[in-house]
Amino acid sequence: MDIFYYWQKFEQDLKNGQVGYFGSNSAKISELKERLPKRLWVFKTPKGMKGSVQLLGSLLVTDEPKVAVNTEYQNLIYYDPFSPESVLFADVNAPRRVEGVTRLLQHRLLHAFKSNFQGDVGLQALESNVVRELEAMSADWDTVQLLERVKDRNKVQPINPFARSR
């Protein structure tokens, strides 16, 4: 099982170097975390395309934070922004890709689409069959390591700079 995460503040978070975790005051993150997900698949709605989603990237989930976390949220899930497995996809705005991702997820996450991904519906379990389809769909897409898209890389420092990434 992996997790669908609707990353509403994608550009803002990358600009501010706020990476390594997602938080919520709802317990849904904790419930999904208990199912031991491997990855967070991150999505958002492309500008001017309400009712569609674009696949932004795939992030490696970790048990512990890899960066200092300063947040008011009660419930957190961590991912490793330093891992080569935490990637963002190139050409996410390509109409063919948006259509394919939307078509794949629309009937599986119907309630989320109807609710415009607000609140807890922007965070969903992705069962193995959907994960396999996402993996197959994105297998030949170009990727960049997440930190390559962070505006000020100095804002993202490991908690222990001598620790090795897993």
N, C-alpha and C. Protein backbone atom coordinates (compact mmCIF):
# COMPACT_ATOMS: atom_id res chain seq x y z
N MET A 1 0.84 -1.18 0.00
CA MET A 1 0.00 0.00 0.00
C MET A 1 0.88 1.24 0.00
N ASP A 2 0.52 2.18 -0.84
CA ASP A 2 1.15 3.50 -0.87
C ASP A 2 0.06 4.53 -0.57
N ILE A 3 0.42 5.79 -0.59
CA ILE A 3 -0.53 6.85 -0.23
C ILE A 3 -0.65 7.86 -1.37
N PHE A 4 -1.88 8.24 -1.68
CA PHE A 4 -2.20 9.36 -2.57
C PHE A 4 -2.22 10.60 -1.69
N TYR A 5 -1.42 11.61 -2.03
CA TYR A 5 -1.43 12.86 -1.27
C TYR A 5 -1.62 14.01 -2.24
N TYR A 6 -2.66 14.79 -2.01
CA TYR A 6 -2.95 15.96 -2.82
C TYR A 6 -2.14 17.12 -2.26
N TRP A 7 -1.06 17.51 -2.95
CA TRP A 7 -0.10 18.52 -2.47
C TRP A 7 -0.53 19.89 -2.95
N GLN A 8 -1.43 20.48 -2.21
CA GLN A 8 -2.04 21.75 -2.59
C GLN A 8 -1.01 22.89 -2.65
N LYS A 9 -0.06 22.91 -1.74
CA LYS A 9 0.92 24.00 -1.67
C LYS A 9 2.26 23.59 -2.27
N PHE A 10 2.24 22.82 -3.32
CA PHE A 10 3.45 22.26 -3.92
C PHE A 10 4.51 23.33 -4.21
N GLU A 11 4.20 24.30 -5.05
CA GLU A 11 5.18 25.32 -5.43
C GLU A 11 5.65 26.12 -4.22
N GLN A 12 4.73 26.50 -3.36
CA GLN A 12 5.07 27.29 -2.17
C GLN A 12 6.00 26.51 -1.24
N ASP A 13 5.71 25.24 -1.01
CA ASP A 13 6.54 24.42 -0.13
C ASP A 13 7.95 24.25 -0.70
N LEU A 14 8.07 24.03 -2.01
CA LEU A 14 9.40 23.90 -2.61
C LEU A 14 10.15 25.22 -2.53
N LYS A 15 9.46 26.31 -2.77
CA LYS A 15 10.10 27.63 -2.70
C LYS A 15 10.63 27.90 -1.30
N ASN A 16 9.85 27.52 -0.29
CA ASN A 16 10.23 27.78 1.10
C ASN A 16 11.10 26.68 1.71
N GLY A 17 11.38 25.64 0.96
CA GLY A 17 12.19 24.55 1.49
C GLY A 17 11.48 23.72 2.55
N GLN A 18 10.15 23.74 2.53
CA GLN A 18 9.37 22.97 3.50
C GLN A 18 9.11 21.59 2.92
N VAL A 19 10.08 20.71 3.12
CA VAL A 19 10.00 19.35 2.60
C VAL A 19 10.38 18.37 3.69
N GLY A 20 10.04 17.11 3.48
CA GLY A 20 10.40 16.06 4.42
C GLY A 20 9.24 15.55 5.26
N TYR A 21 8.10 16.23 5.18
CA TYR A 21 6.94 15.79 5.95
C TYR A 21 5.67 16.41 5.39
N PHE A 22 4.56 15.75 5.69
CA PHE A 22 3.23 16.31 5.46
C PHE A 22 2.49 16.18 6.77
N GLY A 23 1.69 17.19 7.10
CA GLY A 23 0.98 17.17 8.36
C GLY A 23 -0.49 17.46 8.23
N SER A 24 -1.22 17.07 9.28
CA SER A 24 -2.65 17.30 9.35
C SER A 24 -3.08 17.24 10.80
N ASN A 25 -4.14 17.93 11.12
CA ASN A 25 -4.72 17.81 12.46
C ASN A 25 -5.70 16.64 12.52
N SER A 26 -6.00 16.07 11.38
CA SER A 26 -6.86 14.88 11.32
C SER A 26 -6.00 13.65 11.60
N ALA A 27 -6.61 12.63 12.11
CA ALA A 27 -5.90 11.39 12.42
C ALA A 27 -5.70 10.50 11.18
N LYS A 28 -6.20 10.91 10.03
CA LYS A 28 -6.12 10.05 8.85
C LYS A 28 -4.68 9.73 8.46
N ILE A 29 -3.77 10.69 8.59
CA ILE A 29 -2.36 10.42 8.28
C ILE A 29 -1.84 9.30 9.17
N SER A 30 -2.15 9.37 10.45
CA SER A 30 -1.68 8.33 11.39
C SER A 30 -2.27 6.97 11.04
N GLU A 31 -3.53 6.95 10.65
CA GLU A 31 -4.17 5.68 10.27
C GLU A 31 -3.48 5.07 9.05
N LEU A 32 -3.18 5.90 8.07
CA LEU A 32 -2.50 5.39 6.87
C LEU A 32 -1.06 4.99 7.18
N LYS A 33 -0.41 5.73 8.05
CA LYS A 33 0.97 5.43 8.42
C LYS A 33 1.07 4.07 9.10
N GLU A 34 0.05 3.69 9.86
CA GLU A 34 0.02 2.39 10.53
C GLU A 34 -0.01 1.23 9.55
N ARG A 35 -0.41 1.48 8.32
CA ARG A 35 -0.45 0.44 7.30
C ARG A 35 0.90 0.27 6.60
N LEU A 36 1.91 0.98 7.08
CA LEU A 36 3.29 0.89 6.60
C LEU A 36 3.45 1.13 5.10
N PRO A 37 3.08 2.32 4.66
CA PRO A 37 3.23 2.63 3.23
C PRO A 37 4.71 2.73 2.85
N LYS A 38 4.98 2.45 1.59
CA LYS A 38 6.36 2.57 1.08
C LYS A 38 6.59 3.96 0.50
N ARG A 39 5.58 4.48 -0.21
CA ARG A 39 5.74 5.76 -0.90
C ARG A 39 4.51 6.63 -0.79
N LEU A 40 4.75 7.90 -0.95
CA LEU A 40 3.69 8.89 -1.12
C LEU A 40 3.71 9.27 -2.60
N TRP A 41 2.58 9.11 -3.25
CA TRP A 41 2.45 9.58 -4.63
C TRP A 41 1.77 10.94 -4.52
N VAL A 42 2.41 11.99 -5.02
CA VAL A 42 1.89 13.34 -4.82
C VAL A 42 1.28 13.89 -6.12
N PHE A 43 0.13 14.54 -5.94
CA PHE A 43 -0.68 15.02 -7.05
C PHE A 43 -1.15 16.44 -6.76
N LYS A 44 -1.60 17.11 -7.80
CA LYS A 44 -2.33 18.36 -7.66
C LYS A 44 -3.13 18.59 -8.94
N THR A 45 -4.02 19.57 -8.89
CA THR A 45 -4.82 19.93 -10.05
C THR A 45 -4.03 20.90 -10.92
N PRO A 46 -3.89 20.61 -12.20
CA PRO A 46 -3.20 21.56 -13.08
C PRO A 46 -4.01 22.85 -13.21
N LYS A 47 -3.32 23.96 -13.34
CA LYS A 47 -4.00 25.26 -13.47
C LYS A 47 -5.01 25.23 -14.61
N GLY A 48 -6.23 25.67 -14.29
CA GLY A 48 -7.29 25.77 -15.29
C GLY A 48 -7.90 24.44 -15.71
N MET A 49 -7.64 23.37 -14.96
CA MET A 49 -8.15 22.05 -15.36
C MET A 49 -8.87 21.38 -14.20
N LYS A 50 -9.83 22.07 -13.61
CA LYS A 50 -10.59 21.49 -12.51
C LYS A 50 -11.18 20.14 -12.94
N GLY A 51 -11.11 19.18 -12.03
CA GLY A 51 -11.60 17.84 -12.34
C GLY A 51 -10.51 16.93 -12.88
N SER A 52 -9.29 17.46 -13.01
CA SER A 52 -8.15 16.66 -13.48
C SER A 52 -7.06 16.68 -12.40
N VAL A 53 -6.18 15.70 -12.47
CA VAL A 53 -5.02 15.69 -11.57
C VAL A 53 -3.77 15.37 -12.38
N GLN A 54 -2.67 15.90 -11.88
CA GLN A 54 -1.38 15.59 -12.47
C GLN A 54 -0.54 14.89 -11.40
N LEU A 55 0.23 13.92 -11.84
CA LEU A 55 1.14 13.20 -10.96
C LEU A 55 2.43 14.00 -10.88
N LEU A 56 2.74 14.53 -9.68
CA LEU A 56 3.93 15.35 -9.49
C LEU A 56 5.16 14.52 -9.21
N GLY A 57 5.01 13.48 -8.37
CA GLY A 57 6.18 12.70 -8.01
C GLY A 57 5.85 11.55 -7.08
N SER A 58 6.92 10.89 -6.66
CA SER A 58 6.84 9.75 -5.76
C SER A 58 7.93 9.93 -4.70
N LEU A 59 7.53 9.87 -3.42
CA LEU A 59 8.45 10.17 -2.32
C LEU A 59 8.57 8.97 -1.40
N LEU A 60 9.79 8.65 -0.97
CA LEU A 60 10.05 7.51 -0.11
C LEU A 60 9.65 7.82 1.33
N VAL A 61 8.72 7.06 1.89
CA VAL A 61 8.24 7.25 3.27
C VAL A 61 9.30 6.74 4.24
N THR A 62 9.46 7.44 5.37
CA THR A 62 10.38 7.03 6.43
C THR A 62 9.66 7.05 7.77
N ASP A 63 10.20 6.31 8.73
CA ASP A 63 9.62 6.26 10.08
C ASP A 63 9.96 7.50 10.88
N GLU A 64 11.13 8.05 10.64
CA GLU A 64 11.64 9.19 11.41
C GLU A 64 11.87 10.37 10.47
N PRO A 65 11.81 11.58 11.01
CA PRO A 65 12.10 12.75 10.16
C PRO A 65 13.56 12.77 9.73
N LYS A 66 13.81 13.22 8.52
CA LYS A 66 15.17 13.38 8.00
C LYS A 66 15.62 14.83 8.07
N VAL A 67 14.66 15.74 8.28
CA VAL A 67 14.93 17.17 8.42
C VAL A 67 14.25 17.66 9.69
N ALA A 68 14.70 18.79 10.20
CA ALA A 68 14.03 19.39 11.37
C ALA A 68 12.61 19.77 10.97
N VAL A 69 11.67 19.47 11.85
CA VAL A 69 10.26 19.73 11.56
C VAL A 69 9.75 20.78 12.54
N ASN A 70 9.23 21.87 11.98
CA ASN A 70 8.66 22.94 12.78
C ASN A 70 7.24 23.16 12.29
N THR A 71 6.29 22.54 12.98
CA THR A 71 4.90 22.61 12.53
C THR A 71 3.94 22.53 13.71
N GLU A 72 2.76 23.03 13.49
CA GLU A 72 1.70 22.98 14.49
C GLU A 72 0.84 21.73 14.35
N TYR A 73 1.02 20.99 13.25
CA TYR A 73 0.18 19.82 13.01
C TYR A 73 0.42 18.74 14.06
N GLN A 74 -0.68 18.09 14.44
CA GLN A 74 -0.61 17.03 15.44
C GLN A 74 -0.14 15.70 14.84
N ASN A 75 -0.48 15.45 13.60
CA ASN A 75 -0.18 14.17 12.96
C ASN A 75 0.70 14.40 11.73
N LEU A 76 1.78 13.63 11.65
CA LEU A 76 2.73 13.82 10.56
C LEU A 76 3.08 12.49 9.91
N ILE A 77 3.43 12.58 8.64
CA ILE A 77 4.06 11.46 7.94
C ILE A 77 5.32 12.02 7.32
N TYR A 78 6.40 11.25 7.41
CA TYR A 78 7.69 11.73 6.94
C TYR A 78 8.09 11.05 5.65
N TYR A 79 8.84 11.77 4.84
CA TYR A 79 9.47 11.19 3.66
C TYR A 79 10.89 11.71 3.60
N ASP A 80 11.73 11.00 2.87
CA ASP A 80 13.15 11.33 2.80
C ASP A 80 13.43 12.21 1.58
N PRO A 81 13.59 13.52 1.79
CA PRO A 81 13.83 14.41 0.66
C PRO A 81 15.22 14.22 0.05
N PHE A 82 16.11 13.52 0.74
CA PHE A 82 17.48 13.30 0.26
C PHE A 82 17.63 12.02 -0.56
N SER A 83 16.66 11.14 -0.47
CA SER A 83 16.74 9.84 -1.14
C SER A 83 16.65 9.99 -2.65
N PRO A 84 17.44 9.19 -3.39
CA PRO A 84 17.29 9.18 -4.85
C PRO A 84 15.94 8.60 -5.27
N GLU A 85 15.23 7.96 -4.35
CA GLU A 85 13.90 7.43 -4.64
C GLU A 85 12.80 8.47 -4.45
N SER A 86 13.13 9.64 -3.92
CA SER A 86 12.15 10.73 -3.79
C SER A 86 12.33 11.63 -5.00
N VAL A 87 11.44 11.42 -5.97
CA VAL A 87 11.59 12.09 -7.26
C VAL A 87 10.35 12.87 -7.65
N LEU A 88 10.58 13.86 -8.49
CA LEU A 88 9.50 14.59 -9.14
C LEU A 88 9.60 14.29 -10.63
N PHE A 89 8.44 14.21 -11.27
CA PHE A 89 8.40 13.88 -12.68
C PHE A 89 8.49 15.14 -13.53
N ALA A 90 9.11 15.00 -14.69
CA ALA A 90 9.19 16.09 -15.66
C ALA A 90 7.93 16.06 -16.53
N ASP A 91 7.62 17.15 -17.17
CA ASP A 91 6.50 17.24 -18.11
C ASP A 91 5.16 16.83 -17.51
N VAL A 92 4.93 17.17 -16.25
CA VAL A 92 3.67 16.78 -15.60
C VAL A 92 2.46 17.50 -16.20
N ASN A 93 2.70 18.60 -16.91
CA ASN A 93 1.60 19.35 -17.52
C ASN A 93 1.21 18.85 -18.90
N ALA A 94 1.95 17.87 -19.43
CA ALA A 94 1.63 17.35 -20.76
C ALA A 94 0.19 16.83 -20.75
N PRO A 95 -0.67 17.30 -21.66
CA PRO A 95 -2.07 16.91 -21.66
C PRO A 95 -2.29 15.39 -21.65
N ARG A 96 -1.48 14.66 -22.39
CA ARG A 96 -1.64 13.20 -22.44
C ARG A 96 -1.39 12.58 -21.06
N ARG A 97 -0.42 13.10 -20.33
CA ARG A 97 -0.13 12.57 -19.00
C ARG A 97 -1.25 12.92 -18.02
N VAL A 98 -1.71 14.17 -18.05
CA VAL A 98 -2.80 14.58 -17.16
C VAL A 98 -4.03 13.73 -17.43
N GLU A 99 -4.37 13.53 -18.70
CA GLU A 99 -5.53 12.71 -19.05
C GLU A 99 -5.38 11.28 -18.56
N GLY A 100 -4.20 10.70 -18.73
CA GLY A 100 -3.96 9.32 -18.32
C GLY A 100 -4.06 9.14 -16.81
N VAL A 101 -3.45 10.05 -16.07
CA VAL A 101 -3.48 9.98 -14.60
C VAL A 101 -4.91 10.20 -14.10
N THR A 102 -5.58 11.17 -14.66
CA THR A 102 -6.96 11.46 -14.27
C THR A 102 -7.85 10.26 -14.55
N ARG A 103 -7.73 9.68 -15.72
CA ARG A 103 -8.54 8.52 -16.09
C ARG A 103 -8.28 7.35 -15.14
N LEU A 104 -7.02 7.12 -14.79
CA LEU A 104 -6.67 6.03 -13.89
C LEU A 104 -7.29 6.20 -12.51
N LEU A 105 -7.26 7.42 -11.99
CA LEU A 105 -7.69 7.64 -10.60
C LEU A 105 -9.14 8.04 -10.44
N GLN A 106 -9.76 8.57 -11.48
CA GLN A 106 -11.10 9.14 -11.34
C GLN A 106 -12.12 8.15 -10.80
N HIS A 107 -12.15 6.95 -11.30
CA HIS A 107 -13.17 6.02 -10.79
C HIS A 107 -12.73 5.37 -9.48
N ARG A 108 -11.44 5.33 -9.19
CA ARG A 108 -10.97 4.72 -7.94
C ARG A 108 -11.10 5.68 -6.76
N LEU A 109 -11.00 6.98 -7.04
CA LEU A 109 -11.07 8.00 -5.98
C LEU A 109 -12.21 8.97 -6.27
N LEU A 110 -13.34 8.44 -6.66
CA LEU A 110 -14.47 9.26 -7.08
C LEU A 110 -14.87 10.29 -6.03
N HIS A 111 -14.95 9.86 -4.77
CA HIS A 111 -15.34 10.79 -3.70
C HIS A 111 -14.35 11.95 -3.58
N ALA A 112 -13.06 11.66 -3.73
CA ALA A 112 -12.03 12.70 -3.66
C ALA A 112 -12.22 13.71 -4.79
N PHE A 113 -12.48 13.22 -6.00
CA PHE A 113 -12.70 14.12 -7.13
C PHE A 113 -13.94 14.98 -6.90
N LYS A 114 -15.03 14.37 -6.41
CA LYS A 114 -16.26 15.12 -6.16
C LYS A 114 -16.07 16.18 -5.09
N SER A 115 -15.20 15.90 -4.13
CA SER A 115 -14.95 16.85 -3.02
C SER A 115 -13.81 17.79 -3.31
N ASN A 116 -13.29 17.76 -4.55
CA ASN A 116 -12.20 18.63 -4.97
C ASN A 116 -10.96 18.47 -4.08
N PHE A 117 -10.77 17.27 -3.54
CA PHE A 117 -9.58 16.91 -2.76
C PHE A 117 -9.41 17.71 -1.47
N GLN A 118 -10.48 18.28 -0.97
CA GLN A 118 -10.41 19.08 0.25
C GLN A 118 -10.38 18.20 1.49
N GLY A 119 -9.59 18.58 2.48
CA GLY A 119 -9.54 17.87 3.75
C GLY A 119 -9.00 16.46 3.60
N ASP A 120 -9.61 15.53 4.35
CA ASP A 120 -9.14 14.15 4.38
C ASP A 120 -9.22 13.43 3.04
N VAL A 121 -10.07 13.88 2.13
CA VAL A 121 -10.18 13.18 0.85
C VAL A 121 -8.96 13.42 -0.03
N GLY A 122 -8.12 14.36 0.33
CA GLY A 122 -6.87 14.59 -0.39
C GLY A 122 -5.77 13.65 0.05
N LEU A 123 -6.12 12.72 0.92
CA LEU A 123 -5.18 11.74 1.46
C LEU A 123 -5.87 10.38 1.43
N GLN A 124 -5.39 9.49 0.57
CA GLN A 124 -6.07 8.22 0.36
C GLN A 124 -5.07 7.08 0.29
N ALA A 125 -5.51 5.89 0.67
CA ALA A 125 -4.70 4.69 0.47
C ALA A 125 -4.73 4.33 -1.01
N LEU A 126 -3.59 3.94 -1.53
CA LEU A 126 -3.51 3.44 -2.90
C LEU A 126 -3.12 1.97 -2.80
N GLU A 127 -4.02 1.11 -3.15
CA GLU A 127 -3.77 -0.32 -3.05
C GLU A 127 -2.80 -0.75 -4.15
N SER A 128 -2.27 -1.94 -4.00
CA SER A 128 -1.16 -2.41 -4.85
C SER A 128 -1.49 -2.41 -6.35
N ASN A 129 -2.73 -2.71 -6.72
CA ASN A 129 -3.06 -2.71 -8.14
C ASN A 129 -2.96 -1.31 -8.74
N VAL A 130 -3.38 -0.30 -8.00
CA VAL A 130 -3.29 1.09 -8.48
C VAL A 130 -1.83 1.52 -8.51
N VAL A 131 -1.07 1.14 -7.49
CA VAL A 131 0.36 1.48 -7.45
C VAL A 131 1.07 0.89 -8.65
N ARG A 132 0.79 -0.37 -8.97
CA ARG A 132 1.42 -1.01 -10.14
C ARG A 132 1.08 -0.25 -11.42
N GLU A 133 -0.16 0.22 -11.54
CA GLU A 133 -0.55 0.98 -12.73
C GLU A 133 0.18 2.32 -12.79
N LEU A 134 0.31 2.99 -11.65
CA LEU A 134 1.06 4.26 -11.62
C LEU A 134 2.53 4.03 -11.96
N GLU A 135 3.09 2.97 -11.42
CA GLU A 135 4.50 2.65 -11.72
C GLU A 135 4.69 2.39 -13.21
N ALA A 136 3.79 1.61 -13.79
CA ALA A 136 3.89 1.30 -15.22
C ALA A 136 3.72 2.56 -16.06
N MET A 137 2.76 3.40 -15.68
CA MET A 137 2.48 4.62 -16.41
C MET A 137 3.68 5.57 -16.40
N SER A 138 4.35 5.68 -15.25
CA SER A 138 5.42 6.66 -15.10
C SER A 138 6.82 6.07 -15.29
N ALA A 139 6.92 4.80 -15.64
CA ALA A 139 8.21 4.12 -15.73
C ALA A 139 9.21 4.81 -16.67
N ASP A 140 8.72 5.34 -17.77
CA ASP A 140 9.65 5.95 -18.72
C ASP A 140 9.64 7.49 -18.67
N TRP A 141 8.99 8.04 -17.66
CA TRP A 141 8.98 9.49 -17.51
C TRP A 141 10.32 9.95 -16.93
N ASP A 142 10.80 11.08 -17.40
CA ASP A 142 12.01 11.66 -16.84
C ASP A 142 11.73 12.14 -15.43
N THR A 143 12.73 12.00 -14.56
CA THR A 143 12.58 12.43 -13.16
C THR A 143 13.75 13.32 -12.76
N VAL A 144 13.51 14.07 -11.69
CA VAL A 144 14.58 14.81 -11.01
C VAL A 144 14.43 14.51 -9.52
N GLN A 145 15.55 14.44 -8.84
CA GLN A 145 15.51 14.24 -7.40
C GLN A 145 14.82 15.46 -6.80
N LEU A 146 13.98 15.24 -5.80
CA LEU A 146 13.15 16.29 -5.20
C LEU A 146 13.93 17.57 -4.90
N LEU A 147 15.09 17.45 -4.29
CA LEU A 147 15.83 18.64 -3.87
C LEU A 147 16.31 19.51 -5.02
N GLU A 148 16.36 18.95 -6.22
CA GLU A 148 16.75 19.76 -7.38
C GLU A 148 15.71 20.84 -7.68
N ARG A 149 14.50 20.67 -7.19
CA ARG A 149 13.43 21.64 -7.43
C ARG A 149 13.23 22.61 -6.28
N VAL A 150 13.94 22.41 -5.16
CA VAL A 150 13.85 23.32 -4.02
C VAL A 150 14.64 24.57 -4.35
N LYS A 151 14.01 25.74 -4.21
CA LYS A 151 14.64 27.01 -4.60
C LYS A 151 15.92 27.28 -3.82
N ASP A 152 15.84 27.21 -2.49
CA ASP A 152 17.00 27.48 -1.65
C ASP A 152 17.39 26.20 -0.93
N ARG A 153 18.29 25.47 -1.52
CA ARG A 153 18.70 24.15 -1.00
C ARG A 153 19.26 24.24 0.42
N ASN A 154 19.81 25.40 0.79
CA ASN A 154 20.38 25.58 2.14
C ASN A 154 19.32 25.52 3.23
N LYS A 155 18.05 25.70 2.87
CA LYS A 155 16.97 25.63 3.85
C LYS A 155 16.65 24.19 4.24
N VAL A 156 17.16 23.23 3.48
CA VAL A 156 16.86 21.82 3.73
C VAL A 156 18.15 21.12 4.15
N GLN A 157 18.31 20.96 5.44
CA GLN A 157 19.50 20.31 5.99
C GLN A 157 19.10 19.06 6.75
N PRO A 158 19.89 17.99 6.62
CA PRO A 158 19.58 16.78 7.37
C PRO A 158 19.72 17.01 8.87
N ILE A 159 18.93 16.27 9.64
CA ILE A 159 19.02 16.38 11.10
C ILE A 159 20.42 15.99 11.55
N ASN A 160 20.92 14.90 11.03
CA ASN A 160 22.28 14.45 11.33
C ASN A 160 23.02 14.40 10.00
N PRO A 161 23.86 15.40 9.70
CA PRO A 161 24.52 15.45 8.40
C PRO A 161 25.48 14.28 8.16
N PHE A 162 25.83 13.52 9.21
CA PHE A 162 26.72 12.39 9.05
C PHE A 162 25.98 11.07 8.87
N ALA A 163 24.67 11.13 9.03
CA ALA A 163 23.86 9.92 8.86
C ALA A 163 23.77 9.58 7.38
N ARG A 164 23.75 8.32 7.09
CA ARG A 164 23.61 7.87 5.71
C ARG A 164 22.13 7.68 5.39
N SER A 165 21.75 8.04 4.19
CA SER A 165 20.37 7.78 3.75
C SER A 165 20.20 6.30 3.53
N ARG A 166 18.97 5.82 3.79
CA ARG A 166 18.67 4.40 3.57
C ARG A 166 18.32 4.14 2.14
